[in-house]
Amino acid sequence: AGGDGEGEGEGGGEGGGGRRPGTAKIFVHTFGCSHNHSDSEFMAGQLRRYGYELVDAPEKADGWLVNTCTVKNPSQSAMNTVIERGKAANKAMVIAGCVPQGDKGAKELRDVSLLGVTQIDRVVEAMERTLAGDTVRMLEKKALPSLDLPKVRRNEFVEILPLSTGCLGACTYCKTKHARGDLGSYEISALVSRVEQAMAEGVSEVWLSSEDTGAYGIDLGTDVAALFRAITAVLPTDGSVMLRLGMTNPPYILAHLDAVAEAMRHPSVYAWMHIPVQSGSNAVLEGMKREYTVEEFKRVCDTLLAAVPGMVIATDIICGFPGETDEQWQETMSLIEEYKFPEVHISQFYPRPGTPAAKMKRVPTQIVKARSRELTALFESYMPHEHLVGKTERVWVSDIARDGTSLVAHTKNYTQILLPGGEDQRARLMGRSAMVEIYEAARWSCKARVLEVLEVDPTVARVKLNVISSEEEAKAIREKLTKGKRVRMKKTEANGCSTCGSDTPCSSAETTALYARYFTIEAALVAGVCVGAVGLAYATLSRSRY
């Protein structure tokens, strides 16, 4: 196989045995987070625009595009199974995503083409060459792919919008950092443009996706508060398009709780947020290098829950992190018991190759499993949605349930509501908002009957958020958050302002540019005088010698 950056390869022949370029059938399979799904949608869009036919049945495809996840052992094991099945069926295979980017030497990746996380705009080239018999490697890290790439959405009503890639953390158990790298954020103006484009294309929901929403923009000299102001300013206030905020870790969102709370009070923003805590023990959090304490996590929860009526917080727990004692585990149990989060994602610790935690002394497997069962039992012991029975709520319908019939809707705080399905109901409700009466509550969702389908007002006015910190305050916050960290700062584009998200430079940017202009002229004049003086001295010396 070829070099990481050049996309060189072996084997080949043109056209895959006489096949015309862009005429093959392609199967796309995605593992992992919403960011991965967004990447797959961008890659599928490019493949279809080139002429490929996207198919749902893998056996009917000539080529497979597998977008991978490296967070846990099970997801990578599932990827290995897919690769083995594809090789056995003699399929042309392009493996994309975090696994090849973070672990390119894995034995499972031999003899298949590899596409890195920032190389998704080269998917057509990778697939075409693979179909022709080459094995290519395109893993070089480069600038973020454009948000203007064509897209085939997994759900036509949902736009998944990546805010950034990478993060500023160094969690000892995390393999994703190896793949996604350091924080790299998209410009606010590019993100706002993508939101406007998606709304024009008819989506009813926009999901913000990021490895850490709270850290957004630090590399650009801006922050998540400015981002929320800019995006909510273009959202309709009638709820015809809803915004879902992305996952955030506690350290960076602490500085912006007022802005986050105000965003979720916006009529077109779900009052829901995913804030992983991972452990209720400060000692365990320190071993994980999570960069916050349990007290700081509680401050985030208490502030947001008080400021946003009815808000739901989802969180994550890792059971059996290396060195976790029984007492430390009970601290985690107490935290969940105290807050009774409606959503808790429970994982057993998996040692990911190449991470510091993989070298730590592990908790015995039987204890890890017992802790997972104990937490699951606690989580299933309370019913967070019972208070909704008998109530009338507004919901937004966006998907079809796993049973293939029921429709999936969500309330303002993102509680899942199941509605009666069928072709007629899909045509009537999908991508729409409705008033429903809830008649049954279960652990993860409720059931309801539709009372009224709501009409939207295309002329509705937009609203702007009010939490606007001064540039001095914003700068101080960024400096505090990045103290002791290496942050690669991007240059501000000359035709816009990364701080406020406007398409034109603000006054401070113009002043800076003007100063830079005069400084450049002054430097050129000084350099010219210096060169002239040296030349004159040399000529005088030459005349005196001869």
Protein backbone atom coordinates (compact mmCIF):
# COMPACT_ATOMS: atom_id res chain seq x y z
CA ALA A 1 0.00 0.00 0.00
CA GLY A 2 1.04 3.59 -0.55
CA GLY A 3 1.98 6.54 1.62
CA ASP A 4 -0.39 8.10 4.13
CA GLY A 5 -0.61 11.45 2.41
CA GLU A 6 -0.35 10.73 -1.30
CA GLY A 7 -3.05 8.10 -1.70
CA GLU A 8 -0.69 5.80 -3.56
CA GLY A 9 -1.63 2.14 -3.93
CA GLU A 10 -1.01 -1.23 -5.45
CA GLY A 11 -2.64 -3.33 -8.10
CA GLY A 12 -5.15 -1.90 -10.45
CA GLY A 13 -6.14 -1.55 -14.00
CA GLU A 14 -8.59 1.05 -15.12
CA GLY A 15 -12.31 0.94 -14.94
CA GLY A 16 -12.60 -2.24 -12.84
CA GLY A 17 -12.67 -4.70 -15.74
CA GLY A 18 -14.17 -2.34 -18.29
CA ARG A 19 -16.60 -0.65 -15.91
CA ARG A 20 -17.28 3.01 -16.65
CA PRO A 21 -16.31 5.33 -13.75
CA GLY A 22 -19.13 6.15 -11.36
CA THR A 23 -21.43 3.32 -12.43
CA ALA A 24 -20.97 0.89 -9.54
CA LYS A 25 -23.33 0.14 -6.67
CA ILE A 26 -22.11 1.22 -3.22
CA PHE A 27 -23.16 0.07 0.26
CA VAL A 28 -22.44 2.50 3.15
CA HIS A 29 -22.25 1.21 6.73
CA THR A 30 -21.63 3.54 9.70
CA PHE A 31 -20.58 2.84 13.28
CA GLY A 32 -20.43 5.32 16.14
CA CYS A 33 -21.47 8.85 16.99
CA SER A 34 -23.51 11.49 15.19
CA HIS A 35 -20.27 13.07 13.90
CA ASN A 36 -19.47 9.79 12.14
CA HIS A 37 -22.97 9.69 10.68
CA SER A 38 -22.53 13.25 9.40
CA ASP A 39 -19.25 12.25 7.74
CA SER A 40 -20.99 9.28 6.11
CA GLU A 41 -23.75 11.54 4.82
CA PHE A 42 -21.18 13.84 3.22
CA MET A 43 -19.36 10.88 1.67
CA ALA A 44 -22.59 9.34 0.39
CA GLY A 45 -23.52 12.68 -1.18
CA GLN A 46 -20.27 12.83 -3.11
CA LEU A 47 -20.57 9.23 -4.27
CA ARG A 48 -24.11 9.73 -5.53
CA ARG A 49 -23.28 13.00 -7.27
CA TYR A 50 -20.44 11.24 -9.10
CA GLY A 51 -22.91 8.70 -10.41
CA TYR A 52 -22.71 5.77 -8.03
CA GLU A 53 -25.93 4.05 -6.96
CA LEU A 54 -26.31 3.79 -3.19
CA VAL A 55 -27.89 0.50 -2.10
CA ASP A 56 -29.14 -0.80 1.25
CA ALA A 57 -28.40 -4.46 0.53
CA PRO A 58 -24.67 -5.20 0.98
CA GLU A 59 -24.79 -8.30 -1.20
CA LYS A 60 -25.94 -6.22 -4.18
CA ALA A 61 -23.08 -3.72 -3.90
CA ASP A 62 -19.81 -3.69 -5.83
CA GLY A 63 -18.07 -1.59 -3.20
CA TRP A 64 -18.47 -1.13 0.54
CA LEU A 65 -17.73 2.09 2.43
CA VAL A 66 -17.41 1.33 6.15
CA ASN A 67 -17.14 4.32 8.49
CA THR A 68 -15.70 3.14 11.78
CA CYS A 69 -15.69 4.00 15.50
CA THR A 70 -12.85 3.42 17.94
CA VAL A 71 -14.50 4.39 21.24
CA LYS A 72 -15.10 0.85 22.54
CA ASN A 73 -13.88 -2.67 21.86
CA PRO A 74 -17.36 -3.93 20.80
CA SER A 75 -17.70 -1.32 18.04
CA GLN A 76 -14.27 -2.17 16.65
CA SER A 77 -15.03 -5.89 16.90
CA ALA A 78 -18.22 -5.32 14.92
CA MET A 79 -16.15 -3.47 12.31
CA ASN A 80 -13.81 -6.46 12.08
CA THR A 81 -16.78 -8.75 11.43
CA VAL A 82 -18.01 -6.49 8.61
CA ILE A 83 -14.54 -6.36 7.03
CA GLU A 84 -14.19 -10.17 7.17
CA ARG A 85 -17.61 -10.56 5.56
CA GLY A 86 -16.72 -8.09 2.82
CA LYS A 87 -13.40 -9.77 2.07
CA ALA A 88 -15.11 -13.18 1.92
CA ALA A 89 -17.60 -11.76 -0.59
CA ASN A 90 -14.75 -10.23 -2.64
CA LYS A 91 -16.11 -6.69 -2.25
CA ALA A 92 -14.04 -3.59 -2.96
CA MET A 93 -13.68 -2.06 0.51
CA VAL A 94 -12.90 1.47 1.70
CA ILE A 95 -12.55 1.70 5.48
CA ALA A 96 -12.99 5.25 6.77
CA GLY A 97 -13.22 7.00 10.11
CA CYS A 98 -11.51 6.78 13.47
CA VAL A 99 -10.10 3.24 13.36
CA PRO A 100 -7.82 3.64 10.32
CA GLN A 101 -6.91 7.17 11.41
CA GLY A 102 -5.99 6.15 14.95
CA ASP A 103 -4.76 2.58 14.38
CA LYS A 104 -3.65 2.25 10.76
CA GLY A 105 -1.39 -0.69 11.59
CA ALA A 106 -4.24 -2.93 12.80
CA LYS A 107 -4.03 -6.35 11.17
CA GLU A 108 -7.72 -6.19 10.22
CA LEU A 109 -6.94 -3.23 7.94
CA ARG A 110 -4.49 -5.08 5.72
CA ASP A 111 -5.39 -5.26 2.05
CA VAL A 112 -8.23 -2.72 2.27
CA SER A 113 -8.25 0.95 1.32
CA LEU A 114 -8.10 3.47 4.18
CA LEU A 115 -9.60 6.96 4.32
CA GLY A 116 -8.82 9.39 7.16
CA VAL A 117 -11.25 11.61 9.04
CA THR A 118 -10.20 14.80 7.22
CA GLN A 119 -9.99 13.08 3.83
CA ILE A 120 -13.72 12.48 3.36
CA ASP A 121 -13.76 14.92 0.43
CA ARG A 122 -11.60 12.37 -1.47
CA VAL A 123 -14.01 9.46 -1.05
CA VAL A 124 -14.83 9.31 -4.77
CA GLU A 125 -11.15 9.00 -5.66
CA ALA A 126 -10.64 6.34 -2.98
CA MET A 127 -13.67 4.31 -4.09
CA GLU A 128 -12.92 4.58 -7.79
CA ARG A 129 -9.35 3.40 -7.37
CA THR A 130 -10.40 0.60 -5.03
CA LEU A 131 -12.98 -0.64 -7.51
CA ALA A 132 -10.20 -0.61 -10.12
CA GLY A 133 -8.13 -2.95 -7.95
CA ASP A 134 -5.89 -0.53 -6.06
CA THR A 135 -5.39 -0.47 -2.30
CA VAL A 136 -5.03 3.16 -1.25
CA ARG A 137 -4.19 4.97 1.96
CA MET A 138 -5.37 8.54 2.41
CA LEU A 139 -4.67 9.30 6.07
CA GLU A 140 -2.80 12.59 6.09
CA LYS A 141 -4.31 15.18 8.44
CA LYS A 142 -5.32 18.33 6.60
CA ALA A 143 -7.75 21.24 6.83
CA LEU A 144 -11.34 20.44 7.78
CA PRO A 145 -13.53 19.29 4.86
CA SER A 146 -15.88 21.92 3.52
CA LEU A 147 -19.42 22.05 4.86
CA ASP A 148 -20.60 22.74 1.31
CA LEU A 149 -20.08 19.14 0.18
CA PRO A 150 -23.17 17.34 -1.17
CA LYS A 151 -25.00 15.22 1.36
CA VAL A 152 -27.35 12.25 1.50
CA ARG A 153 -29.05 12.41 4.88
CA ARG A 154 -29.78 9.19 6.73
CA ASN A 155 -32.94 10.95 7.90
CA GLU A 156 -34.21 13.51 5.39
CA PHE A 157 -35.62 15.64 8.21
CA VAL A 158 -32.43 15.85 10.31
CA GLU A 159 -29.29 17.83 9.52
CA ILE A 160 -26.29 16.65 11.56
CA LEU A 161 -23.89 19.59 11.70
CA PRO A 162 -20.29 19.03 12.86
CA LEU A 163 -19.05 22.07 14.78
CA SER A 164 -15.46 20.90 15.02
CA THR A 165 -13.22 17.89 15.21
CA GLY A 166 -10.93 16.80 18.02
CA CYS A 167 -10.75 18.25 21.51
CA LEU A 168 -8.50 19.92 24.10
CA GLY A 169 -8.66 17.02 26.55
CA ALA A 170 -6.28 14.13 27.21
CA CYS A 171 -8.52 11.49 28.80
CA THR A 172 -6.44 8.44 29.67
CA TYR A 173 -8.99 5.94 28.34
CA CYS A 174 -9.87 7.69 25.07
CA LYS A 175 -8.79 6.37 21.68
CA THR A 176 -10.81 8.92 19.70
CA LYS A 177 -8.19 11.58 20.49
CA HIS A 178 -5.66 9.52 18.51
CA ALA A 179 -7.94 9.75 15.48
CA ARG A 180 -9.59 13.17 15.70
CA GLY A 181 -6.60 14.96 17.25
CA ASP A 182 -6.58 18.46 18.69
CA LEU A 183 -9.48 20.87 18.47
CA GLY A 184 -10.25 22.25 15.03
CA SER A 185 -13.41 24.38 14.72
CA TYR A 186 -15.42 25.52 11.72
CA GLU A 187 -15.95 29.26 11.31
CA ILE A 188 -19.25 30.54 12.69
CA SER A 189 -20.21 32.00 9.34
CA ALA A 190 -19.77 28.58 7.65
CA LEU A 191 -21.92 26.88 10.29
CA VAL A 192 -24.69 29.47 10.03
CA SER A 193 -24.68 29.14 6.24
CA ARG A 194 -25.04 25.38 6.54
CA VAL A 195 -27.99 25.77 8.94
CA GLU A 196 -29.71 28.13 6.52
CA GLN A 197 -29.06 25.78 3.61
CA ALA A 198 -30.44 22.79 5.52
CA MET A 199 -33.59 24.70 6.47
CA ALA A 200 -34.06 25.71 2.83
CA GLU A 201 -33.80 22.01 1.91
CA GLY A 202 -36.68 21.18 4.26
CA VAL A 203 -35.13 19.73 7.42
CA SER A 204 -37.11 20.05 10.63
CA GLU A 205 -34.22 19.43 13.04
CA VAL A 206 -30.56 20.47 13.21
CA TRP A 207 -28.27 18.48 15.51
CA LEU A 208 -25.02 20.11 16.54
CA SER A 209 -22.26 17.50 16.75
CA SER A 210 -18.87 17.76 18.41
CA GLU A 211 -16.44 15.83 20.58
CA ASP A 212 -16.86 18.73 23.05
CA THR A 213 -19.33 21.51 22.25
CA GLY A 214 -18.17 23.61 25.20
CA ALA A 215 -14.66 23.92 23.75
CA TYR A 216 -15.93 25.12 20.37
CA GLY A 217 -14.11 28.07 18.87
CA ILE A 218 -11.23 28.39 21.32
CA ASP A 219 -8.83 27.74 18.44
CA LEU A 220 -10.54 30.55 16.47
CA GLY A 221 -10.52 33.10 19.27
CA THR A 222 -14.28 32.80 19.76
CA ASP A 223 -16.57 30.60 21.88
CA VAL A 224 -19.76 28.59 22.06
CA ALA A 225 -21.76 31.58 23.34
CA ALA A 226 -21.07 33.48 20.11
CA LEU A 227 -21.96 30.36 18.12
CA PHE A 228 -25.32 29.93 19.85
CA ARG A 229 -26.15 33.61 19.31
CA ALA A 230 -25.38 33.36 15.61
CA ILE A 231 -27.30 30.12 14.95
CA THR A 232 -30.39 30.93 17.01
CA ALA A 233 -30.62 34.28 15.23
CA VAL A 234 -31.56 32.47 12.00
CA LEU A 235 -33.95 29.94 13.57
CA PRO A 236 -37.70 30.51 13.18
CA THR A 237 -39.40 31.04 16.54
CA ASP A 238 -42.52 29.06 15.62
CA GLY A 239 -40.72 25.76 16.22
CA SER A 240 -40.87 24.69 12.59
CA VAL A 241 -37.15 23.87 12.84
CA MET A 242 -35.67 22.65 16.13
CA LEU A 243 -32.02 22.78 17.22
CA ARG A 244 -30.43 20.07 19.37
CA LEU A 245 -27.24 21.05 21.19
CA GLY A 246 -24.26 18.70 21.11
CA MET A 247 -22.40 16.73 23.76
CA THR A 248 -20.24 18.80 26.08
CA ASN A 249 -17.75 18.01 28.82
CA PRO A 250 -18.00 20.02 32.06
CA PRO A 251 -14.67 21.95 32.05
CA TYR A 252 -15.33 24.23 29.11
CA ILE A 253 -19.07 24.69 29.44
CA LEU A 254 -18.64 26.01 33.02
CA ALA A 255 -17.63 29.39 31.62
CA HIS A 256 -20.75 29.68 29.45
CA LEU A 257 -23.64 28.36 31.54
CA ASP A 258 -25.72 31.55 31.17
CA ALA A 259 -25.40 31.44 27.38
CA VAL A 260 -26.22 27.72 27.25
CA ALA A 261 -29.27 28.21 29.47
CA GLU A 262 -30.55 31.08 27.37
CA ALA A 263 -30.08 29.08 24.19
CA MET A 264 -32.20 26.22 25.57
CA ARG A 265 -34.93 28.66 26.56
CA HIS A 266 -35.24 29.66 22.90
CA PRO A 267 -38.55 28.34 21.51
CA SER A 268 -36.74 26.43 18.75
CA VAL A 269 -34.01 24.77 20.86
CA TYR A 270 -34.52 21.49 22.68
CA ALA A 271 -34.06 21.81 26.45
CA TRP A 272 -31.76 18.78 26.53
CA MET A 273 -28.03 18.30 26.82
CA HIS A 274 -25.60 15.38 26.95
CA ILE A 275 -23.00 16.02 29.69
CA PRO A 276 -20.90 12.90 30.45
CA VAL A 277 -19.65 12.67 34.04
CA GLN A 278 -18.07 9.16 33.73
CA SER A 279 -17.59 8.79 37.51
CA GLY A 280 -18.89 10.20 40.79
CA SER A 281 -15.45 9.97 42.41
CA ASN A 282 -12.90 12.77 42.21
CA ALA A 283 -10.07 10.26 42.59
CA VAL A 284 -11.32 8.29 39.58
CA LEU A 285 -11.86 11.46 37.55
CA GLU A 286 -8.26 12.42 38.29
CA GLY A 287 -7.08 9.03 37.05
CA MET A 288 -9.14 9.58 33.90
CA LYS A 289 -7.67 13.11 33.50
CA ARG A 290 -11.15 14.52 33.03
CA GLU A 291 -10.09 18.02 34.22
CA TYR A 292 -13.09 18.66 36.48
CA THR A 293 -14.40 17.61 39.86
CA VAL A 294 -17.72 16.08 40.85
CA GLU A 295 -18.56 19.41 42.52
CA GLU A 296 -18.02 21.25 39.22
CA PHE A 297 -20.22 18.74 37.37
CA LYS A 298 -22.92 19.30 39.98
CA ARG A 299 -22.60 23.06 39.53
CA VAL A 300 -23.22 22.61 35.79
CA CYS A 301 -26.29 20.47 36.44
CA ASP A 302 -27.72 22.62 39.24
CA THR A 303 -27.27 25.86 37.28
CA LEU A 304 -28.85 24.55 34.08
CA LEU A 305 -31.70 22.68 35.79
CA ALA A 306 -32.61 25.83 37.73
CA ALA A 307 -32.33 28.15 34.73
CA VAL A 308 -34.14 25.96 32.18
CA PRO A 309 -37.54 24.68 33.37
CA GLY A 310 -38.07 21.00 32.62
CA MET A 311 -34.60 20.52 31.14
CA VAL A 312 -33.26 16.97 30.74
CA ILE A 313 -29.59 16.10 31.23
CA ALA A 314 -28.19 12.86 29.80
CA THR A 315 -24.93 11.51 31.17
CA ASP A 316 -22.43 8.64 30.81
CA ILE A 317 -20.84 6.33 33.38
CA ILE A 318 -17.80 4.06 32.96
CA CYS A 319 -17.97 1.08 35.32
CA GLY A 320 -14.75 -0.37 36.69
CA PHE A 321 -12.13 2.14 35.60
CA PRO A 322 -8.65 0.86 36.65
CA GLY A 323 -8.03 1.34 40.36
CA GLU A 324 -11.69 2.11 41.18
CA THR A 325 -12.41 0.95 44.74
CA ASP A 326 -15.75 -0.13 46.18
CA GLU A 327 -15.99 3.17 48.06
CA GLN A 328 -15.33 5.18 44.91
CA TRP A 329 -17.93 3.16 43.02
CA GLN A 330 -20.49 3.93 45.70
CA GLU A 331 -19.81 7.64 45.12
CA THR A 332 -20.93 7.11 41.54
CA MET A 333 -24.05 5.25 42.67
CA SER A 334 -24.85 8.11 45.07
CA LEU A 335 -24.51 10.69 42.29
CA ILE A 336 -27.00 8.88 40.05
CA GLU A 337 -29.32 8.32 43.01
CA GLU A 338 -29.22 12.04 43.82
CA TYR A 339 -29.99 13.35 40.32
CA LYS A 340 -31.93 10.42 38.83
CA PHE A 341 -30.92 11.40 35.31
CA PRO A 342 -33.58 10.35 32.77
CA GLU A 343 -30.82 9.12 30.44
CA VAL A 344 -27.71 7.30 31.67
CA HIS A 345 -25.45 5.55 29.18
CA ILE A 346 -23.67 2.77 31.06
CA SER A 347 -20.42 1.26 29.79
CA GLN A 348 -17.96 -1.21 31.22
CA PHE A 349 -14.33 -0.13 31.04
CA TYR A 350 -12.56 -1.32 27.88
CA PRO A 351 -8.77 -0.90 27.62
CA ARG A 352 -8.14 0.70 24.24
CA PRO A 353 -4.71 -0.07 22.75
CA GLY A 354 -2.24 2.79 22.95
CA THR A 355 -4.05 4.67 25.73
CA PRO A 356 -2.50 5.28 29.18
CA ALA A 357 -5.42 3.51 30.89
CA ALA A 358 -4.64 0.31 28.97
CA LYS A 359 -1.43 0.03 31.01
CA MET A 360 -3.15 0.53 34.37
CA LYS A 361 -4.03 -2.34 36.70
CA ARG A 362 -7.54 -3.43 35.85
CA VAL A 363 -10.45 -4.11 38.15
CA PRO A 364 -11.40 -7.83 37.94
CA THR A 365 -13.90 -8.46 35.17
CA GLN A 366 -16.51 -10.02 37.46
CA ILE A 367 -16.48 -6.88 39.63
CA VAL A 368 -16.82 -4.61 36.58
CA LYS A 369 -19.83 -6.61 35.40
CA ALA A 370 -21.37 -6.58 38.87
CA ARG A 371 -21.06 -2.79 39.06
CA SER A 372 -22.65 -2.45 35.64
CA ARG A 373 -25.59 -4.60 36.74
CA GLU A 374 -25.92 -2.65 40.00
CA LEU A 375 -26.08 0.70 38.23
CA THR A 376 -28.48 -0.63 35.61
CA ALA A 377 -30.80 -1.84 38.36
CA LEU A 378 -30.73 1.59 40.01
CA PHE A 379 -31.36 3.32 36.71
CA GLU A 380 -34.33 1.09 35.94
CA SER A 381 -35.81 1.56 39.42
CA TYR A 382 -37.14 5.04 38.77
CA MET A 383 -39.62 6.21 36.14
CA PRO A 384 -38.76 9.76 35.03
CA HIS A 385 -41.70 10.18 32.66
CA GLU A 386 -44.68 9.13 34.78
CA HIS A 387 -45.60 12.74 35.52
CA LEU A 388 -46.37 13.25 31.83
CA VAL A 389 -49.29 10.80 31.72
CA GLY A 390 -52.53 12.68 31.06
CA LYS A 391 -50.76 15.82 29.91
CA THR A 392 -50.99 17.57 26.55
CA GLU A 393 -47.60 18.35 25.03
CA ARG A 394 -46.21 19.78 21.82
CA VAL A 395 -43.96 17.31 20.00
CA TRP A 396 -41.80 17.23 16.89
CA VAL A 397 -41.99 14.12 14.67
CA SER A 398 -38.76 13.12 12.97
CA ASP A 399 -38.26 9.35 12.69
CA ILE A 400 -39.66 5.83 12.55
CA ALA A 401 -39.29 3.56 15.58
CA ARG A 402 -37.38 0.29 15.61
CA ASP A 403 -40.64 -1.63 15.27
CA GLY A 404 -40.85 -0.20 11.74
CA THR A 405 -44.32 1.22 12.31
CA SER A 406 -44.56 3.69 15.20
CA LEU A 407 -43.46 7.28 14.65
CA VAL A 408 -40.85 8.86 16.91
CA ALA A 409 -41.45 12.35 18.25
CA HIS A 410 -39.85 14.43 21.02
CA THR A 411 -41.10 17.02 23.46
CA LYS A 412 -39.33 20.34 24.09
CA ASN A 413 -37.05 18.59 26.63
CA TYR A 414 -36.44 15.77 24.15
CA THR A 415 -38.50 13.08 25.90
CA GLN A 416 -39.22 10.41 23.31
CA ILE A 417 -42.89 10.04 22.39
CA LEU A 418 -44.17 7.12 20.27
CA LEU A 419 -47.15 7.83 18.00
CA PRO A 420 -49.31 5.51 15.89
CA GLY A 421 -47.67 4.85 12.51
CA GLY A 422 -48.65 3.67 9.06
CA GLU A 423 -48.26 5.24 5.63
CA ASP A 424 -51.05 7.78 6.13
CA GLN A 425 -49.66 8.92 9.46
CA ARG A 426 -46.16 9.22 8.02
CA ALA A 427 -47.38 11.45 5.23
CA ARG A 428 -49.36 13.52 7.71
CA LEU A 429 -46.81 13.89 10.51
CA MET A 430 -43.20 13.30 9.48
CA GLY A 431 -41.19 16.50 9.74
CA ARG A 432 -44.12 18.26 11.39
CA SER A 433 -45.08 19.42 14.87
CA ALA A 434 -48.24 18.34 16.69
CA MET A 435 -50.11 18.59 19.96
CA VAL A 436 -50.52 15.17 21.59
CA GLU A 437 -52.08 13.65 24.70
CA ILE A 438 -49.77 11.27 26.57
CA TYR A 439 -51.52 8.16 27.91
CA GLU A 440 -48.67 5.79 28.85
CA ALA A 441 -45.15 6.15 30.24
CA ALA A 442 -42.33 3.59 30.08
CA ARG A 443 -38.67 3.75 31.11
CA TRP A 444 -37.30 5.23 27.89
CA SER A 445 -40.37 6.72 26.21
CA CYS A 446 -44.08 7.55 26.35
CA LYS A 447 -47.02 6.79 24.10
CA ALA A 448 -49.48 9.44 22.94
CA ARG A 449 -52.39 10.13 20.63
CA VAL A 450 -52.37 13.04 18.18
CA LEU A 451 -54.79 15.88 18.90
CA GLU A 452 -53.76 18.45 16.30
CA VAL A 453 -51.11 18.93 13.62
CA LEU A 454 -49.67 22.42 13.91
CA GLU A 455 -49.24 24.72 10.95
CA VAL A 456 -46.10 26.82 10.64
CA ASP A 457 -45.81 30.50 9.87
CA PRO A 458 -43.04 31.18 7.31
CA THR A 459 -43.13 34.90 8.12
CA VAL A 460 -42.40 34.46 11.83
CA ALA A 461 -39.74 36.76 13.22
CA ARG A 462 -36.37 35.62 14.52
CA VAL A 463 -35.07 36.47 17.98
CA LYS A 464 -31.57 37.20 19.20
CA LEU A 465 -30.05 36.01 22.46
CA ASN A 466 -29.05 38.64 24.99
CA VAL A 467 -26.09 37.07 26.81
CA ILE A 468 -23.24 38.91 25.15
CA SER A 469 -19.98 39.03 27.08
CA SER A 470 -17.43 41.73 26.33
CA GLU A 471 -14.43 40.81 24.20
CA GLU A 472 -12.19 41.37 27.22
CA GLU A 473 -14.24 38.93 29.29
CA ALA A 474 -14.33 36.37 26.45
CA LYS A 475 -10.56 36.63 26.02
CA ALA A 476 -10.00 36.15 29.75
CA ILE A 477 -12.21 33.04 29.71
CA ARG A 478 -10.30 31.55 26.74
CA GLU A 479 -6.96 32.21 28.42
CA LYS A 480 -8.15 30.54 31.62
CA LEU A 481 -9.49 27.50 29.78
CA THR A 482 -6.35 26.99 27.72
CA LYS A 483 -3.76 27.64 30.41
CA GLY A 484 -1.01 25.07 30.07
CA LYS A 485 -2.50 23.66 26.83
CA ARG A 486 -1.18 23.81 23.29
CA VAL A 487 -3.90 25.34 21.14
CA ARG A 488 -3.35 25.83 17.44
CA MET A 489 -4.89 29.19 16.66
CA LYS A 490 -6.25 29.73 13.19
CA LYS A 491 -5.90 33.06 11.43
CA THR A 492 -9.10 35.07 11.28
CA GLU A 493 -10.47 35.29 7.75
CA ALA A 494 -10.10 38.78 6.27
CA ASN A 495 -13.71 38.80 5.00
CA GLY A 496 -15.43 38.03 8.28
CA CYS A 497 -15.30 38.08 12.07
CA SER A 498 -14.89 34.74 13.87
CA THR A 499 -15.93 36.31 17.18
CA CYS A 500 -19.37 37.62 16.25
CA GLY A 501 -19.97 35.46 13.17
CA SER A 502 -20.71 38.38 10.87
CA ASP A 503 -19.81 38.22 7.19
CA THR A 504 -17.86 41.46 7.39
CA PRO A 505 -14.95 42.43 9.66
CA CYS A 506 -15.90 44.24 12.85
CA SER A 507 -14.33 47.55 13.86
CA SER A 508 -11.65 45.92 15.98
CA ALA A 509 -10.67 43.65 13.10
CA GLU A 510 -10.45 46.65 10.75
CA THR A 511 -8.28 48.50 13.25
CA THR A 512 -5.97 45.50 13.52
CA ALA A 513 -5.76 45.20 9.75
CA LEU A 514 -5.03 48.93 9.44
CA TYR A 515 -2.30 48.72 12.08
CA ALA A 516 -0.82 45.69 10.31
CA ARG A 517 -0.84 47.62 7.02
CA TYR A 518 1.03 50.62 8.43
CA PHE A 519 3.38 48.36 10.32
CA THR A 520 4.21 46.58 7.08
CA ILE A 521 4.88 49.85 5.25
CA GLU A 522 7.02 51.16 8.12
CA ALA A 523 8.98 47.91 8.22
CA ALA A 524 9.56 48.09 4.47
CA LEU A 525 10.86 51.70 4.71
CA VAL A 526 13.24 50.80 7.56
CA ALA A 527 14.48 47.77 5.65
CA GLY A 528 15.05 49.93 2.57
CA VAL A 529 17.04 52.53 4.53
CA CYS A 530 19.16 49.79 6.10
CA VAL A 531 19.92 48.17 2.75
CA GLY A 532 20.79 51.57 1.27
CA ALA A 533 23.13 52.39 4.14
CA VAL A 534 24.92 49.07 3.81
CA GLY A 535 25.29 49.57 0.09
CA LEU A 536 26.71 53.08 0.53
CA ALA A 537 29.21 51.88 3.13
CA TYR A 538 30.36 49.06 0.87
CA ALA A 539 30.87 51.45 -2.09
CA THR A 540 32.86 53.90 0.06
CA LEU A 541 35.05 51.08 1.37
CA SER A 542 35.68 49.81 -2.14
CA ARG A 543 36.78 53.26 -3.40
CA SER A 544 39.15 53.69 -0.43
CA ARG A 545 40.85 50.33 -1.17
CA TYR A 546 41.44 50.99 -4.84
